[in-house]
């Protein structure tokens, strides 16, 4: 159970790093590319890409805590 706790903890950290990269890329693309290409969405909509990642991070953290609690018992 301790290995599963560590795996889900590391997964949460990796997901947060990937989330930052994806949101940053899309924000810059909408901000700078949108001006010249004529996109209709504001740059702030790039933060909607963070929603699935946040849900995944929360699930990973909860599972890591559950497995850590079971490993202690």
N, C-alpha and C. Protein backbone atom coordinates (compact mmCIF):
# COMPACT_ATOMS: atom_id res chain seq x y z
N UNK A 1 0.81 -1.20 0.00
CA UNK A 1 0.00 0.00 0.00
C UNK A 1 0.86 1.26 0.00
N UNK A 2 2.04 1.17 0.60
CA UNK A 2 2.89 2.35 0.63
C UNK A 2 3.38 2.70 -0.78
N UNK A 3 3.64 1.68 -1.61
CA UNK A 3 4.08 1.95 -2.98
C UNK A 3 2.98 2.66 -3.76
N UNK A 4 1.74 2.23 -3.57
CA UNK A 4 0.63 2.89 -4.25
C UNK A 4 0.48 4.33 -3.80
N UNK A 5 0.70 4.56 -2.53
CA UNK A 5 0.62 5.93 -2.01
C UNK A 5 1.67 6.81 -2.68
N UNK A 6 2.88 6.30 -2.81
CA UNK A 6 3.95 7.06 -3.44
C UNK A 6 3.66 7.27 -4.93
N UNK A 7 3.15 6.24 -5.59
CA UNK A 7 2.84 6.35 -7.02
C UNK A 7 1.80 7.43 -7.26
N UNK A 8 0.74 7.45 -6.46
CA UNK A 8 -0.30 8.46 -6.65
C UNK A 8 0.19 9.84 -6.24
N UNK A 9 1.07 9.93 -5.27
CA UNK A 9 1.64 11.22 -4.91
C UNK A 9 2.50 11.79 -6.02
N UNK A 10 3.33 10.94 -6.61
CA UNK A 10 4.17 11.38 -7.72
C UNK A 10 3.30 11.72 -8.94
N UNK A 11 2.24 10.96 -9.15
CA UNK A 11 1.33 11.25 -10.26
C UNK A 11 0.68 12.62 -10.10
N UNK A 12 0.32 12.97 -8.88
CA UNK A 12 -0.27 14.29 -8.64
C UNK A 12 0.71 15.41 -8.97
N UNK A 13 1.96 15.24 -8.61
CA UNK A 13 2.98 16.25 -8.91
C UNK A 13 3.21 16.35 -10.42
N UNK A 14 3.30 15.21 -11.09
CA UNK A 14 3.50 15.22 -12.54
C UNK A 14 2.31 15.85 -13.26
N UNK A 15 1.11 15.54 -12.81
CA UNK A 15 -0.07 16.16 -13.41
C UNK A 15 -0.07 17.67 -13.25
N UNK A 16 0.37 18.14 -12.09
CA UNK A 16 0.40 19.59 -11.89
C UNK A 16 1.42 20.25 -12.82
N UNK A 17 2.56 19.60 -13.04
CA UNK A 17 3.56 20.15 -13.96
C UNK A 17 3.04 20.17 -15.39
N UNK A 18 2.41 19.08 -15.80
CA UNK A 18 1.85 19.01 -17.15
C UNK A 18 0.74 20.04 -17.32
N UNK A 19 -0.08 20.21 -16.29
CA UNK A 19 -1.15 21.20 -16.34
C UNK A 19 -0.59 22.60 -16.57
N UNK A 20 0.46 22.94 -15.84
CA UNK A 20 1.07 24.27 -16.01
C UNK A 20 1.59 24.46 -17.43
N UNK A 21 2.20 23.44 -17.99
CA UNK A 21 2.74 23.55 -19.34
C UNK A 21 1.62 23.71 -20.37
N UNK A 22 0.56 22.93 -20.24
CA UNK A 22 -0.54 22.99 -21.21
C UNK A 22 -1.26 24.33 -21.14
N UNK A 23 -1.55 24.79 -19.94
CA UNK A 23 -2.26 26.05 -19.80
C UNK A 23 -1.39 27.21 -20.28
N UNK A 24 -0.11 27.19 -19.98
CA UNK A 24 0.78 28.25 -20.43
C UNK A 24 0.87 28.29 -21.95
N UNK A 25 1.02 27.13 -22.56
CA UNK A 25 1.10 27.07 -24.02
C UNK A 25 -0.17 27.62 -24.67
N UNK A 26 -1.32 27.19 -24.18
CA UNK A 26 -2.58 27.64 -24.77
C UNK A 26 -2.85 29.11 -24.49
N UNK A 27 -2.47 29.58 -23.31
CA UNK A 27 -2.64 30.99 -23.00
C UNK A 27 -1.81 31.86 -23.95
N UNK A 28 -0.55 31.50 -24.11
CA UNK A 28 0.31 32.27 -25.02
C UNK A 28 -0.19 32.18 -26.46
N UNK A 29 -0.65 31.01 -26.85
CA UNK A 29 -1.17 30.84 -28.19
C UNK A 29 -2.39 31.72 -28.43
N UNK A 30 -3.28 31.78 -27.47
CA UNK A 30 -4.47 32.62 -27.62
C UNK A 30 -4.14 34.10 -27.50
N UNK A 31 -3.18 34.42 -26.63
CA UNK A 31 -2.84 35.82 -26.42
C UNK A 31 -2.12 36.42 -27.62
N UNK A 32 -1.05 35.77 -28.06
CA UNK A 32 -0.24 36.33 -29.14
C UNK A 32 -0.72 35.86 -30.50
N UNK A 33 -1.06 34.60 -30.61
CA UNK A 33 -1.53 34.09 -31.90
C UNK A 33 -2.92 34.61 -32.24
N UNK A 34 -3.72 34.85 -31.23
CA UNK A 34 -5.08 35.31 -31.46
C UNK A 34 -5.16 36.70 -32.04
N UNK A 35 -4.19 37.53 -31.69
CA UNK A 35 -4.19 38.90 -32.22
C UNK A 35 -3.98 38.91 -33.73
N UNK A 36 -3.10 38.04 -34.18
CA UNK A 36 -2.72 38.07 -35.59
C UNK A 36 -3.58 37.14 -36.44
N UNK A 37 -4.10 36.09 -35.83
CA UNK A 37 -4.92 35.14 -36.59
C UNK A 37 -6.41 35.45 -36.49
N UNK A 38 -6.78 36.33 -35.58
CA UNK A 38 -8.18 36.73 -35.46
C UNK A 38 -9.05 35.74 -34.71
N UNK A 39 -8.49 35.07 -33.69
CA UNK A 39 -9.30 34.15 -32.89
C UNK A 39 -10.39 34.91 -32.16
N UNK A 40 -11.51 34.24 -31.91
CA UNK A 40 -12.63 34.90 -31.27
C UNK A 40 -12.68 34.74 -29.77
N UNK A 41 -11.78 33.95 -29.17
CA UNK A 41 -11.83 33.71 -27.74
C UNK A 41 -10.79 34.56 -27.02
N UNK A 42 -11.13 35.05 -25.83
CA UNK A 42 -10.12 35.77 -25.05
C UNK A 42 -9.07 34.80 -24.51
N UNK A 43 -7.92 35.32 -24.16
CA UNK A 43 -6.82 34.46 -23.71
C UNK A 43 -7.14 33.76 -22.39
N UNK A 44 -8.02 34.34 -21.58
CA UNK A 44 -8.37 33.74 -20.30
C UNK A 44 -9.09 32.41 -20.41
N UNK A 45 -9.62 32.11 -21.58
CA UNK A 45 -10.30 30.81 -21.74
C UNK A 45 -9.31 29.65 -21.71
N UNK A 46 -8.03 29.92 -21.82
CA UNK A 46 -7.03 28.86 -21.74
C UNK A 46 -7.05 28.20 -20.37
N UNK A 47 -7.53 28.91 -19.36
CA UNK A 47 -7.56 28.32 -18.02
C UNK A 47 -8.62 27.23 -17.89
N UNK A 48 -9.50 27.12 -18.84
CA UNK A 48 -10.46 26.02 -18.83
C UNK A 48 -9.77 24.67 -19.05
N UNK A 49 -8.61 24.70 -19.67
CA UNK A 49 -7.84 23.47 -19.84
C UNK A 49 -7.35 22.91 -18.51
N UNK A 50 -7.33 23.72 -17.48
CA UNK A 50 -6.84 23.28 -16.18
C UNK A 50 -7.87 22.44 -15.42
N UNK A 51 -9.14 22.55 -15.78
CA UNK A 51 -10.20 21.87 -15.01
C UNK A 51 -10.00 20.35 -14.96
N UNK A 52 -9.80 19.64 -16.08
CA UNK A 52 -9.62 18.19 -15.96
C UNK A 52 -8.36 17.81 -15.19
N UNK A 53 -7.31 18.62 -15.32
CA UNK A 53 -6.09 18.33 -14.59
C UNK A 53 -6.30 18.50 -13.08
N UNK A 54 -7.03 19.54 -12.69
CA UNK A 54 -7.30 19.76 -11.26
C UNK A 54 -8.11 18.60 -10.69
N UNK A 55 -9.08 18.12 -11.45
CA UNK A 55 -9.87 16.96 -10.99
C UNK A 55 -8.96 15.75 -10.82
N UNK A 56 -8.08 15.51 -11.78
CA UNK A 56 -7.15 14.38 -11.69
C UNK A 56 -6.19 14.51 -10.52
N UNK A 57 -5.72 15.73 -10.26
CA UNK A 57 -4.81 15.95 -9.14
C UNK A 57 -5.53 15.68 -7.82
N UNK A 58 -6.76 16.13 -7.70
CA UNK A 58 -7.52 15.90 -6.48
C UNK A 58 -7.73 14.41 -6.25
N UNK A 59 -8.08 13.68 -7.31
CA UNK A 59 -8.28 12.23 -7.20
C UNK A 59 -6.98 11.54 -6.77
N UNK A 60 -5.86 11.94 -7.36
CA UNK A 60 -4.57 11.33 -7.00
C UNK A 60 -4.20 11.61 -5.55
N UNK A 61 -4.43 12.82 -5.10
CA UNK A 61 -4.09 13.16 -3.71
C UNK A 61 -4.97 12.39 -2.74
N UNK A 62 -6.26 12.29 -3.04
CA UNK A 62 -7.16 11.54 -2.16
C UNK A 62 -6.75 10.08 -2.10
N UNK A 63 -6.45 9.48 -3.27
CA UNK A 63 -6.03 8.08 -3.27
C UNK A 63 -4.71 7.88 -2.55
N UNK A 64 -3.78 8.81 -2.70
CA UNK A 64 -2.51 8.71 -1.99
C UNK A 64 -2.73 8.75 -0.48
N UNK A 65 -3.62 9.62 -0.03
CA UNK A 65 -3.90 9.69 1.40
C UNK A 65 -4.59 8.43 1.91
N UNK A 66 -5.51 7.89 1.14
CA UNK A 66 -6.20 6.66 1.54
C UNK A 66 -5.22 5.50 1.63
N UNK A 67 -4.36 5.35 0.63
CA UNK A 67 -3.41 4.24 0.65
C UNK A 67 -2.35 4.43 1.73
N UNK A 68 -1.99 5.66 2.03
CA UNK A 68 -1.03 5.89 3.12
C UNK A 68 -1.65 5.52 4.47
N UNK A 69 -2.94 5.85 4.62
CA UNK A 69 -3.63 5.53 5.87
C UNK A 69 -3.74 4.02 6.04
N UNK A 70 -4.01 3.31 4.94
CA UNK A 70 -4.09 1.85 5.01
C UNK A 70 -2.72 1.22 5.25
N UNK A 71 -1.66 1.84 4.76
CA UNK A 71 -0.32 1.31 4.97
C UNK A 71 0.11 1.45 6.42
N UNK A 72 -0.38 2.49 7.08
CA UNK A 72 -0.03 2.68 8.50
C UNK A 72 -0.68 1.64 9.38
N UNK A 73 -1.89 1.24 9.03
CA UNK A 73 -2.61 0.25 9.86
C UNK A 73 -2.07 -1.14 9.72
